[in-house]
PDB file of N, CA and C in Angstrom:
ATOM      1  N   MET A   1      76.785 136.504 101.695  1.00  0.00           N
ATOM      2  CA  MET A   1      75.445 135.180 101.053  1.00  0.00           C
ATOM      3  C   MET A   1      77.287 134.319 101.523  1.00  0.00           C
ATOM      4  N   ASN A   2      76.819 133.035 101.837  1.00  0.00           N
ATOM      5  CA  ASN A   2      78.103 132.367 102.190  1.00  0.00           C
ATOM      6  C   ASN A   2      77.863 130.419 101.211  1.00  0.00           C
ATOM      7  N   ASN A   3      78.703 130.402 100.349  1.00  0.00           N
ATOM      8  CA  ASN A   3      78.724 129.331  99.103  1.00  0.00           C
ATOM      9  C   ASN A   3      79.670 128.613  99.360  1.00  0.00           C
ATOM     10  N   ASN A   4      78.718 127.170  99.857  1.00  0.00           N
ATOM     11  CA  ASN A   4      79.786 126.175 100.192  1.00  0.00           C
ATOM     12  C   ASN A   4      80.519 125.601  99.410  1.00  0.00           C
ATOM     13  N   ASN A   5      79.554 125.843  97.660  1.00  0.00           N
ATOM     14  CA  ASN A   5      80.191 124.857  97.154  1.00  0.00           C
ATOM     15  C   ASN A   5      81.786 125.323  96.173  1.00  0.00           C
ATOM     16  N   THR A   6      82.720 124.846  97.111  1.00  0.00           N
ATOM     17  CA  THR A   6      83.858 124.497  96.390  1.00  0.00           C
ATOM     18  C   THR A   6      84.782 124.093  95.071  1.00  0.00           C
ATOM     19  N   THR A   7      83.777 123.470  94.517  1.00  0.00           N
ATOM     20  CA  THR A   7      83.717 122.323  93.625  1.00  0.00           C
ATOM     21  C   THR A   7      84.899 123.462  92.431  1.00  0.00           C
ATOM     22  N   PRO A   8      85.702 122.947  92.164  1.00  0.00           N
ATOM     23  CA  PRO A   8      86.764 123.704  90.784  1.00  0.00           C
ATOM     24  C   PRO A   8      86.539 123.527  89.372  1.00  0.00           C
ATOM     25  N   PHE A   9      86.786 124.176  88.919  1.00  0.00           N
ATOM     26  CA  PHE A   9      85.742 124.285  87.558  1.00  0.00           C
ATOM     27  C   PHE A   9      86.734 123.154  86.955  1.00  0.00           C
ATOM     28  N   VAL A  10      88.001 122.965  86.735  1.00  0.00           N
ATOM     29  CA  VAL A  10      88.605 121.901  86.269  1.00  0.00           C
ATOM     30  C   VAL A  10      89.225 120.867  87.546  1.00  0.00           C
ATOM     31  N   ALA A  11      89.063 119.645  87.976  1.00  0.00           N
ATOM     32  CA  ALA A  11      89.495 119.189  88.250  1.00  0.00           C
ATOM     33  C   ALA A  11      90.537 118.632  88.692  1.00  0.00           C
ATOM     34  N   THR A  12      91.864 118.271  89.638  1.00  0.00           N
ATOM     35  CA  THR A  12      93.309 118.032  89.631  1.00  0.00           C
ATOM     36  C   THR A  12      92.933 116.809  90.001  1.00  0.00           C
ATOM     37  N   HIS A  13      93.962 115.783  88.972  1.00  0.00           N
ATOM     38  CA  HIS A  13      94.483 114.623  89.108  1.00  0.00           C
ATOM     39  C   HIS A  13      95.496 114.841  89.349  1.00  0.00           C
ATOM     40  N   PRO A  14      95.926 113.282  90.508  1.00  0.00           N
ATOM     41  CA  PRO A  14      97.488 113.677  91.454  1.00  0.00           C
ATOM     42  C   PRO A  14      98.339 112.862  90.134  1.00  0.00           C
ATOM     43  N   GLY A  15      97.975 113.139  89.227  1.00  0.00           N
ATOM     44  CA  GLY A  15      99.241 112.593  88.152  1.00  0.00           C
ATOM     45  C   GLY A  15      99.886 114.683  88.119  1.00  0.00           C
ATOM     46  N   GLU A  16      99.255 115.693  88.441  1.00  0.00           N
ATOM     47  CA  GLU A  16      99.524 116.801  88.070  1.00  0.00           C
ATOM     48  C   GLU A  16     100.842 116.586  89.518  1.00  0.00           C
ATOM     49  N   LEU A  17     100.450 116.711  90.518  1.00  0.00           N
ATOM     50  CA  LEU A  17     101.389 116.876  91.466  1.00  0.00           C
ATOM     51  C   LEU A  17     102.489 115.275  91.026  1.00  0.00           C
ATOM     52  N   VAL A  18     102.368 114.412  90.614  1.00  0.00           N
ATOM     53  CA  VAL A  18     103.706 113.318  89.761  1.00  0.00           C
ATOM     54  C   VAL A  18     104.150 114.556  89.489  1.00  0.00           C
ATOM     55  N   ARG A  19     103.605 115.051  88.346  1.00  0.00           N
ATOM     56  CA  ARG A  19     105.070 115.434  87.780  1.00  0.00           C
ATOM     57  C   ARG A  19     105.228 116.432  87.965  1.00  0.00           C
ATOM     58  N   ASP A  20     104.880 118.212  89.000  1.00  0.00           N
ATOM     59  CA  ASP A  20     105.258 118.338  89.334  1.00  0.00           C
ATOM     60  C   ASP A  20     107.006 117.682  90.867  1.00  0.00           C
ATOM     61  N   GLU A  21     106.592 117.229  91.175  1.00  0.00           N
ATOM     62  CA  GLU A  21     107.541 116.349  92.113  1.00  0.00           C
ATOM     63  C   GLU A  21     108.382 116.135  90.989  1.00  0.00           C
ATOM     64  N   MET A  22     108.037 115.376  89.880  1.00  0.00           N
ATOM     65  CA  MET A  22     109.220 115.025  88.854  1.00  0.00           C
ATOM     66  C   MET A  22     110.272 115.885  88.922  1.00  0.00           C
ATOM     67  N   ARG A  23     109.546 117.516  88.277  1.00  0.00           N
ATOM     68  CA  ARG A  23     110.001 118.469  87.330  1.00  0.00           C
ATOM     69  C   ARG A  23     110.331 118.850  88.634  1.00  0.00           C
ATOM     70  N   GLU A  24     110.765 119.242  90.160  1.00  0.00           N
ATOM     71  CA  GLU A  24     111.268 119.262  90.939  1.00  0.00           C
ATOM     72  C   GLU A  24     112.635 118.861  91.518  1.00  0.00           C
ATOM     73  N   ARG A  25     112.466 117.693  91.454  1.00  0.00           N
ATOM     74  CA  ARG A  25     113.909 116.729  91.166  1.00  0.00           C
ATOM     75  C   ARG A  25     114.497 116.317  90.349  1.00  0.00           C
ATOM     76  N   GLY A  26     113.698 117.106  89.762  1.00  0.00           N
ATOM     77  CA  GLY A  26     115.074 116.620  88.002  1.00  0.00           C
ATOM     78  C   GLY A  26     114.665 115.477  87.710  1.00  0.00           C
ATOM     79  N   LEU A  27     113.759 114.745  87.975  1.00  0.00           N
ATOM     80  CA  LEU A  27     113.560 113.430  87.698  1.00  0.00           C
ATOM     81  C   LEU A  27     112.324 113.119  86.149  1.00  0.00           C
ATOM     82  N   THR A  28     112.870 111.903  85.306  1.00  0.00           N
ATOM     83  CA  THR A  28     112.113 111.645  84.293  1.00  0.00           C
ATOM     84  C   THR A  28     111.278 110.074  84.868  1.00  0.00           C
ATOM     85  N   GLN A  29     110.447 110.579  83.871  1.00  0.00           N
ATOM     86  CA  GLN A  29     109.291 108.981  84.333  1.00  0.00           C
ATOM     87  C   GLN A  29     109.836 107.730  83.689  1.00  0.00           C
ATOM     88  N   LYS A  30     110.701 107.888  83.250  1.00  0.00           N
ATOM     89  CA  LYS A  30     111.491 106.390  83.523  1.00  0.00           C
ATOM     90  C   LYS A  30     112.568 105.941  84.712  1.00  0.00           C
ATOM     91  N   GLN A  31     112.697 107.056  84.779  1.00  0.00           N
ATOM     92  CA  GLN A  31     113.211 106.743  86.723  1.00  0.00           C
ATOM     93  C   GLN A  31     112.707 106.860  87.658  1.00  0.00           C
ATOM     94  N   LEU A  32     111.768 107.596  87.758  1.00  0.00           N
ATOM     95  CA  LEU A  32     110.495 107.633  88.232  1.00  0.00           C
ATOM     96  C   LEU A  32     110.099 106.397  88.755  1.00  0.00           C
ATOM     97  N   ALA A  33     109.735 106.058  87.614  1.00  0.00           N
ATOM     98  CA  ALA A  33     109.212 104.060  87.694  1.00  0.00           C
ATOM     99  C   ALA A  33     110.030 103.511  87.759  1.00  0.00           C
ATOM    100  N   VAL A  34     111.988 103.104  87.718  1.00  0.00           N
ATOM    101  CA  VAL A  34     112.961 102.603  88.252  1.00  0.00           C
ATOM    102  C   VAL A  34     112.399 102.758  89.504  1.00  0.00           C
ATOM    103  N   LEU A  35     112.465 104.321  90.120  1.00  0.00           N
ATOM    104  CA  LEU A  35     112.505 104.268  91.747  1.00  0.00           C
ATOM    105  C   LEU A  35     111.186 103.521  92.239  1.00  0.00           C
ATOM    106  N   ALA A  36     110.548 104.028  91.731  1.00  0.00           N
ATOM    107  CA  ALA A  36     108.468 103.564  92.550  1.00  0.00           C
ATOM    108  C   ALA A  36     109.020 101.990  92.418  1.00  0.00           C
ATOM    109  N   GLY A  37     109.447 100.633  90.910  1.00  0.00           N
ATOM    110  CA  GLY A  37     109.175  99.837  91.170  1.00  0.00           C
ATOM    111  C   GLY A  37     107.457  99.525  90.060  1.00  0.00           C
ATOM    112  N   LEU A  38     107.200 100.954  89.279  1.00  0.00           N
ATOM    113  CA  LEU A  38     106.412 100.402  88.615  1.00  0.00           C
ATOM    114  C   LEU A  38     106.936 100.759  87.042  1.00  0.00           C
ATOM    115  N   SER A  39     106.247 100.381  86.337  1.00  0.00           N
ATOM    116  CA  SER A  39     105.819 100.051  84.853  1.00  0.00           C
ATOM    117  C   SER A  39     106.542 101.391  83.990  1.00  0.00           C
ATOM    118  N   PRO A  40     107.444 101.942  83.207  1.00  0.00           N
ATOM    119  CA  PRO A  40     106.630 103.468  82.732  1.00  0.00           C
ATOM    120  C   PRO A  40     105.414 103.755  82.258  1.00  0.00           C
ATOM    121  N   THR A  41     105.380 102.407  82.528  1.00  0.00           N
ATOM    122  CA  THR A  41     103.683 102.679  81.328  1.00  0.00           C
ATOM    123  C   THR A  41     102.539 103.492  81.912  1.00  0.00           C
ATOM    124  N   ILE A  42     102.725 102.814  83.735  1.00  0.00           N
ATOM    125  CA  ILE A  42     101.552 103.032  84.680  1.00  0.00           C
ATOM    126  C   ILE A  42     102.486 104.658  85.209  1.00  0.00           C
ATOM    127  N   VAL A  43     103.307 104.994  85.088  1.00  0.00           N
ATOM    128  CA  VAL A  43     103.574 106.621  85.556  1.00  0.00           C
ATOM    129  C   VAL A  43     103.556 107.002  84.889  1.00  0.00           C
ATOM    130  N   SER A  44     103.783 106.828  83.214  1.00  0.00           N
ATOM    131  CA  SER A  44     103.103 107.809  82.024  1.00  0.00           C
ATOM    132  C   SER A  44     101.745 107.972  82.266  1.00  0.00           C
ATOM    133  N   GLU A  45     101.077 106.974  82.347  1.00  0.00           N
ATOM    134  CA  GLU A  45      99.698 107.361  83.078  1.00  0.00           C
ATOM    135  C   GLU A  45      98.647 107.563  83.409  1.00  0.00           C
ATOM    136  N   VAL A  46      99.556 108.298  84.655  1.00  0.00           N
ATOM    137  CA  VAL A  46      99.146 108.482  85.839  1.00  0.00           C
ATOM    138  C   VAL A  46      99.236 110.136  85.645  1.00  0.00           C
ATOM    139  N   VAL A  47     100.241 109.818  85.045  1.00  0.00           N
ATOM    140  CA  VAL A  47     100.836 111.742  84.899  1.00  0.00           C
ATOM    141  C   VAL A  47      99.921 112.503  84.380  1.00  0.00           C
ATOM    142  N   ARG A  48      99.489 111.580  82.796  1.00  0.00           N
ATOM    143  CA  ARG A  48      98.180 112.327  82.112  1.00  0.00           C
ATOM    144  C   ARG A  48      96.786 111.781  82.359  1.00  0.00           C
ATOM    145  N   ALA A  49      97.114 111.609  84.040  1.00  0.00           N
ATOM    146  CA  ALA A  49      95.965 111.317  83.732  1.00  0.00           C
ATOM    147  C   ALA A  49      95.066 110.311  83.502  1.00  0.00           C
ATOM    148  N   LYS A  50      95.154 109.297  82.688  1.00  0.00           N
ATOM    149  CA  LYS A  50      95.148 108.234  82.367  1.00  0.00           C
ATOM    150  C   LYS A  50      94.145 107.513  83.108  1.00  0.00           C
ATOM    151  N   ARG A  51      95.289 107.341  83.919  1.00  0.00           N
ATOM    152  CA  ARG A  51      94.851 106.171  85.192  1.00  0.00           C
ATOM    153  C   ARG A  51      95.250 106.829  86.285  1.00  0.00           C
ATOM    154  N   SER A  52      93.881 106.108  87.419  1.00  0.00           N
ATOM    155  CA  SER A  52      93.428 106.446  88.707  1.00  0.00           C
ATOM    156  C   SER A  52      95.344 105.346  89.507  1.00  0.00           C
ATOM    157  N   VAL A  53      95.080 107.035  90.423  1.00  0.00           N
ATOM    158  CA  VAL A  53      96.186 106.522  91.462  1.00  0.00           C
ATOM    159  C   VAL A  53      95.624 105.521  92.581  1.00  0.00           C
ATOM    160  N   THR A  54      95.844 104.512  92.549  1.00  0.00           N
ATOM    161  CA  THR A  54      95.372 102.980  93.085  1.00  0.00           C
ATOM    162  C   THR A  54      95.608 102.784  94.678  1.00  0.00           C
ATOM    163  N   GLU A  55      96.171 101.961  95.558  1.00  0.00           N
ATOM    164  CA  GLU A  55      96.666 101.999  96.399  1.00  0.00           C
ATOM    165  C   GLU A  55      98.227 101.314  96.431  1.00  0.00           C
ATOM    166  N   GLU A  56      97.828 100.166  95.624  1.00  0.00           N
ATOM    167  CA  GLU A  56      99.285 100.002  95.137  1.00  0.00           C
ATOM    168  C   GLU A  56      99.924 100.676  94.369  1.00  0.00           C
ATOM    169  N   ILE A  57      99.905 102.044  93.888  1.00  0.00           N
ATOM    170  CA  ILE A  57     100.689 102.802  93.353  1.00  0.00           C
ATOM    171  C   ILE A  57     100.928 104.281  93.980  1.00  0.00           C
ATOM    172  N   ALA A  58      99.686 104.026  95.189  1.00  0.00           N
ATOM    173  CA  ALA A  58     100.160 105.003  95.777  1.00  0.00           C
ATOM    174  C   ALA A  58     101.846 104.667  96.995  1.00  0.00           C
ATOM    175  N   ALA A  59     101.366 103.105  97.296  1.00  0.00           N
ATOM    176  CA  ALA A  59     102.279 103.158  98.016  1.00  0.00           C
ATOM    177  C   ALA A  59     103.357 103.302  97.361  1.00  0.00           C
ATOM    178  N   SER A  60     103.621 102.944  95.785  1.00  0.00           N
ATOM    179  CA  SER A  60     104.971 103.026  94.965  1.00  0.00           C
ATOM    180  C   SER A  60     105.132 104.543  94.698  1.00  0.00           C
ATOM    181  N   LEU A  61     104.771 105.071  94.591  1.00  0.00           N
ATOM    182  CA  LEU A  61     105.200 106.496  95.097  1.00  0.00           C
ATOM    183  C   LEU A  61     105.228 106.874  96.491  1.00  0.00           C
ATOM    184  N   GLU A  62     104.705 106.927  97.398  1.00  0.00           N
ATOM    185  CA  GLU A  62     105.470 106.724  98.916  1.00  0.00           C
ATOM    186  C   GLU A  62     107.269 106.357  99.028  1.00  0.00           C
ATOM    187  N   LYS A  63     107.282 105.244  98.482  1.00  0.00           N
ATOM    188  CA  LYS A  63     108.827 104.895  97.837  1.00  0.00           C
ATOM    189  C   LYS A  63     109.101 105.603  97.824  1.00  0.00           C
ATOM    190  N   ALA A  64     109.167 106.207  96.606  1.00  0.00           N
ATOM    191  CA  ALA A  64     109.386 106.871  95.525  1.00  0.00           C
ATOM    192  C   ALA A  64     110.033 108.355  95.863  1.00  0.00           C
ATOM    193  N   LEU A  65     109.209 109.031  96.120  1.00  0.00           N
ATOM    194  CA  LEU A  65     108.840 110.367  96.806  1.00  0.00           C
ATOM    195  C   LEU A  65     108.932 111.047  98.335  1.00  0.00           C
ATOM    196  N   GLY A  66     108.184 109.789  99.011  1.00  0.00           N
ATOM    197  CA  GLY A  66     108.275 109.772 100.420  1.00  0.00           C
ATOM    198  C   GLY A  66     106.897 111.162 100.762  1.00  0.00           C
ATOM    199  N   ILE A  67     106.024 111.190  99.928  1.00  0.00           N
ATOM    200  CA  ILE A  67     104.662 111.324  99.634  1.00  0.00           C
ATOM    201  C   ILE A  67     103.649 110.537 100.661  1.00  0.00           C
ATOM    202  N   PRO A  68     103.252 110.747 101.702  1.00  0.00           N
ATOM    203  CA  PRO A  68     102.253 109.591 102.014  1.00  0.00           C
ATOM    204  C   PRO A  68     101.348 108.888 101.581  1.00  0.00           C
ATOM    205  N   VAL A  69     101.265 107.454 101.715  1.00  0.00           N
ATOM    206  CA  VAL A  69     100.120 107.013 100.981  1.00  0.00           C
ATOM    207  C   VAL A  69      98.521 107.465 100.726  1.00  0.00           C
ATOM    208  N   VAL A  70      98.461 107.998 102.157  1.00  0.00           N
ATOM    209  CA  VAL A  70      97.212 108.716 102.694  1.00  0.00           C
ATOM    210  C   VAL A  70      96.953 110.136 101.568  1.00  0.00           C
ATOM    211  N   MET A  71      97.910 110.689 101.502  1.00  0.00           N
ATOM    212  CA  MET A  71      98.173 111.780 100.588  1.00  0.00           C
ATOM    213  C   MET A  71      97.531 112.192  98.967  1.00  0.00           C
ATOM    214  N   TRP A  72      98.228 110.391  98.427  1.00  0.00           N
ATOM    215  CA  TRP A  72      98.024 110.122  97.171  1.00  0.00           C
ATOM    216  C   TRP A  72      96.581 109.531  96.736  1.00  0.00           C
ATOM    217  N   LEU A  73      95.797 109.053  98.157  1.00  0.00           N
ATOM    218  CA  LEU A  73      94.878 108.229  97.415  1.00  0.00           C
ATOM    219  C   LEU A  73      94.043 109.518  98.129  1.00  0.00           C
ATOM    220  N   ASN A  74      94.157 110.088  98.948  1.00  0.00           N
ATOM    221  CA  ASN A  74      92.992 111.427  99.381  1.00  0.00           C
ATOM    222  C   ASN A  74      92.847 111.958  98.179  1.00  0.00           C
ATOM    223  N   LEU A  75      94.163 112.620  96.934  1.00  0.00           N
ATOM    224  CA  LEU A  75      93.762 113.308  96.348  1.00  0.00           C
ATOM    225  C   LEU A  75      93.221 112.644  95.107  1.00  0.00           C
ATOM    226  N   GLN A  76      93.630 110.925  95.016  1.00  0.00           N
ATOM    227  CA  GLN A  76      92.632 110.520  94.057  1.00  0.00           C
ATOM    228  C   GLN A  76      90.819 110.394  94.562  1.00  0.00           C
ATOM    229  N   SER A  77      90.294 111.060  95.330  1.00  0.00           N
ATOM    230  CA  SER A  77      89.396 110.613  95.833  1.00  0.00           C
ATOM    231  C   SER A  77      88.696 112.129  95.528  1.00  0.00           C
ATOM    232  N   GLN A  78      89.208 113.028  95.562  1.00  0.00           N
ATOM    233  CA  GLN A  78      88.924 114.376  96.174  1.00  0.00           C
ATOM    234  C   GLN A  78      88.434 114.817  94.501  1.00  0.00           C
ATOM    235  N   TYR A  79      89.922 114.086  93.215  1.00  0.00           N
ATOM    236  CA  TYR A  79      89.608 114.044  92.438  1.00  0.00           C
ATOM    237  C   TYR A  79      88.243 113.410  91.445  1.00  0.00           C
ATOM    238  N   ASP A  80      88.529 112.222  91.465  1.00  0.00           N
ATOM    239  CA  ASP A  80      87.179 111.730  91.422  1.00  0.00           C
ATOM    240  C   ASP A  80      85.811 112.391  91.584  1.00  0.00           C
ATOM    241  N   HIS A  81      85.375 112.608  93.119  1.00  0.00           N
ATOM    242  CA  HIS A  81      84.665 113.590  93.507  1.00  0.00           C
ATOM    243  C   HIS A  81      84.228 114.591  93.244  1.00  0.00           C
ATOM    244  N   ASP A  82      84.917 115.341  92.505  1.00  0.00           N
ATOM    245  CA  ASP A  82      85.006 117.112  91.860  1.00  0.00           C
ATOM    246  C   ASP A  82      84.643 116.789  90.660  1.00  0.00           C
ATOM    247  N   THR A  83      85.357 115.735  90.109  1.00  0.00           N
ATOM    248  CA  THR A  83      84.936 115.283  88.273  1.00  0.00           C
ATOM    249  C   THR A  83      83.401 114.579  88.670  1.00  0.00           C
ATOM    250  N   ALA A  84      83.090 114.133  89.718  1.00  0.00           N
ATOM    251  CA  ALA A  84      81.132 113.238  89.410  1.00  0.00           C
ATOM    252  C   ALA A  84      80.772 114.252  89.391  1.00  0.00           C
ATOM    253  N   GLU A  85      80.355 115.414  90.401  1.00  0.00           N
ATOM    254  CA  GLU A  85      80.126 116.995  90.479  1.00  0.00           C
ATOM    255  C   GLU A  85      80.168 117.667  89.270  1.00  0.00           C
ATOM    256  N   GLN A  86      81.604 117.956  88.573  1.00  0.00           N
ATOM    257  CA  GLN A  86      80.944 118.624  87.442  1.00  0.00           C
ATOM    258  C   GLN A  86      80.306 117.986  86.449  1.00  0.00           C
ATOM    259  N   HIS A  87      80.037 116.481  86.399  1.00  0.00           N
ATOM    260  CA  HIS A  87      78.974 115.584  85.314  1.00  0.00           C
ATOM    261  C   HIS A  87      77.702 115.766  85.928  1.00  0.00           C
ATOM    262  N   GLU A  88      77.464 116.096  87.107  1.00  0.00           N
ATOM    263  CA  GLU A  88      75.601 116.476  87.568  1.00  0.00           C
ATOM    264  C   GLU A  88      74.952 117.484  86.470  1.00  0.00           C
ATOM    265  N   SER A  89      73.844 116.878  86.164  1.00  0.00           N
ATOM    266  CA  SER A  89      73.185 117.814  85.672  1.00  0.00           C
ATOM    267  C   SER A  89      72.344 118.753  86.217  1.00  0.00           C
ATOM    268  N   VAL A  90      72.355 120.222  85.178  1.00  0.00           N
ATOM    269  CA  VAL A  90      72.555 121.044  86.123  1.00  0.00           C
ATOM    270  C   VAL A  90      70.612 121.453  85.652  1.00  0.00           C
ATOM    271  N   ILE A  91      69.769 122.003  86.796  1.00  0.00           N
ATOM    272  CA  ILE A  91      68.338 122.449  86.001  1.00  0.00           C
ATOM    273  C   ILE A  91      68.435 124.021  86.313  1.00  0.00           C
ATOM    274  N   VAL A  92      67.727 124.293  85.288  1.00  0.00           N
ATOM    275  CA  VAL A  92      67.626 125.616  85.368  1.00  0.00           C
ATOM    276  C   VAL A  92      66.227 126.171  84.917  1.00  0.00           C
ATOM    277  N   THR A  93      65.561 127.249  86.065  1.00  0.00           N
ATOM    278  CA  THR A  93      64.064 127.458  85.137  1.00  0.00           C
ATOM    279  C   THR A  93      64.302 128.695  84.460  1.00  0.00           C
ATOM    280  N   ILE A  94      63.277 128.637  83.127  1.00  0.00           N
ATOM    281  CA  ILE A  94      63.605 129.476  82.637  1.00  0.00           C
ATOM    282  C   ILE A  94      62.004 130.235  82.528  1.00  0.00           C
ATOM    283  N   PRO A  95      62.158 131.381  82.593  1.00  0.00           N
ATOM    284  CA  PRO A  95      60.791 132.221  82.686  1.00  0.00           C
ATOM    285  C   PRO A  95      60.097 132.121  81.140  1.00  0.00           C
ATOM    286  N   VAL A  96      58.718 132.407  81.468  1.00  0.00           N
ATOM    287  CA  VAL A  96      57.810 131.900  80.201  1.00  0.00           C
ATOM    288  C   VAL A  96      58.287 132.411  79.184  1.00  0.00           C
ATOM    289  N   SER A  97      59.046 133.912  78.894  1.00  0.00           N
ATOM    290  CA  SER A  97      58.903 134.876  77.647  1.00  0.00           C
ATOM    291  C   SER A  97      60.168 133.921  76.907  1.00  0.00           C
ATOM    292  N   ASP A  98      60.927 133.578  77.957  1.00  0.00           N
ATOM    293  CA  ASP A  98      62.348 132.880  77.354  1.00  0.00           C
ATOM    294  C   ASP A  98      62.435 131.286  76.117  1.00  0.00           C
ATOM    295  N   ARG A  99      61.388 130.256  76.983  1.00  0.00           N
ATOM    296  CA  ARG A  99      61.298 129.503  76.099  1.00  0.00           C
ATOM    297  C   ARG A  99      61.204 129.003  75.016  1.00  0.00           C
ATOM    298  N   ASN A 100      61.139 129.793  74.034  1.00  0.00           N
ATOM    299  CA  ASN A 100      60.779 129.997  72.391  1.00  0.00           C
ATOM    300  C   ASN A 100      61.959 129.882  72.449  1.00  0.00           C
ATOM    301  N   LEU A 101      62.893 130.944  73.103  1.00  0.00           N
ATOM    302  CA  LEU A 101      64.037 130.688  72.947  1.00  0.00           C
ATOM    303  C   LEU A 101      65.128 129.434  73.764  1.00  0.00           C
ATOM    304  N   LEU A 102      64.532 128.850  74.418  1.00  0.00           N
ATOM    305  CA  LEU A 102      65.271 127.667  74.781  1.00  0.00           C
ATOM    306  C   LEU A 102      65.285 126.545  74.092  1.00  0.00           C
ATOM    307  N   ARG A 103      63.831 126.915  73.320  1.00  0.00           N
ATOM    308  CA  ARG A 103      63.517 125.774  72.594  1.00  0.00           C
ATOM    309  C   ARG A 103      64.359 125.533  71.349  1.00  0.00           C
ATOM    310  N   ASP A 104      64.870 126.959  70.760  1.00  0.00           N
ATOM    311  CA  ASP A 104      65.495 126.851  69.061  1.00  0.00           C
ATOM    312  C   ASP A 104      66.446 126.600  70.142  1.00  0.00           C
ATOM    313  N   LEU A 105      67.278 127.095  70.994  1.00  0.00           N
ATOM    314  CA  LEU A 105      68.857 126.483  71.432  1.00  0.00           C
ATOM    315  C   LEU A 105      69.186 125.143  71.753  1.00  0.00           C
ATOM    316  N   SER A 106      67.699 124.193  72.285  1.00  0.00           N
ATOM    317  CA  SER A 106      67.999 123.271  72.690  1.00  0.00           C
ATOM    318  C   SER A 106      68.113 121.820  71.459  1.00  0.00           C
ATOM    319  N   ARG A 107      67.340 122.045  70.591  1.00  0.00           N
ATOM    320  CA  ARG A 107      66.793 122.150  69.065  1.00  0.00           C
ATOM    321  C   ARG A 107      68.434 122.546  68.380  1.00  0.00           C
ATOM    322  N   LYS A 108      69.073 123.176  68.528  1.00  0.00           N
ATOM    323  CA  LYS A 108      69.964 123.518  67.706  1.00  0.00           C
ATOM    324  C   LYS A 108      71.554 122.855  68.454  1.00  0.00           C
ATOM    325  N   PHE A 109      71.669 122.264  69.656  1.00  0.00           N
ATOM    326  CA  PHE A 109      72.646 122.003  70.271  1.00  0.00           C
ATOM    327  C   PHE A 109      72.634 120.710  71.112  1.00  0.00           C
ATOM    328  N   GLY A 110      71.595 119.900  70.174  1.00  0.00           N
ATOM    329  CA  GLY A 110      70.111 118.717  71.156  1.00  0.00           C
ATOM    330  C   GLY A 110      70.618 118.698  72.946  1.00  0.00           C
ATOM    331  N   TRP A 111      70.381 120.011  73.667  1.00  0.00           N
ATOM    332  CA  TRP A 111      69.934 119.754  74.505  1.00  0.00           C
ATOM    333  C   TRP A 111      68.836 119.029  75.261  1.00  0.00           C
ATOM    334  N   ALA A 112      68.995 118.420  76.705  1.00  0.00           N
ATOM    335  CA  ALA A 112      68.073 117.912  76.679  1.00  0.00           C
ATOM    336  C   ALA A 112      67.363 118.859  77.911  1.00  0.00           C
ATOM    337  N   CYS A 113      65.782 119.255  77.479  1.00  0.00           N
ATOM    338  CA  CYS A 113      65.337 119.890  78.441  1.00  0.00           C
ATOM    339  C   CYS A 113      64.071 119.569  78.527  1.00  0.00           C
ATOM    340  N   MET A 114      62.812 120.193  79.420  1.00  0.00           N
ATOM    341  CA  MET A 114      61.244 119.516  79.365  1.00  0.00           C
ATOM    342  C   MET A 114      60.920 121.731  79.684  1.00  0.00           C
ATOM    343  N   LEU A 115      59.903 121.159  79.010  1.00  0.00           N
ATOM    344  CA  LEU A 115      59.320 122.795  79.090  1.00  0.00           C
ATOM    345  C   LEU A 115      57.679 122.353  79.381  1.00  0.00           C
TER     346      LEU A 115
END
């Protein structure tokens, strides 16, 4: 069976690559901020996955780290896509014999279900 669903269990934010690059290069967030011409707050928010990598941030990261803008934007786009897929509703078909159990569980945990 060929399953083309390759959405990761946890989406990877581009900030993880920023953090890895900083570690490999021995840079602090403040040092990267200076090299990139960004505020330390912006660098911190990207590293903590609290801010998306915009075109402006991507250009600044390219200047500081030499990693092309298109790569940063592709990573952000993939993160956004994976995150959206992980939040989609799940539709499950339950055999008639298990519906009472499902109803009880849905009440207990506040799940939305149609029986």
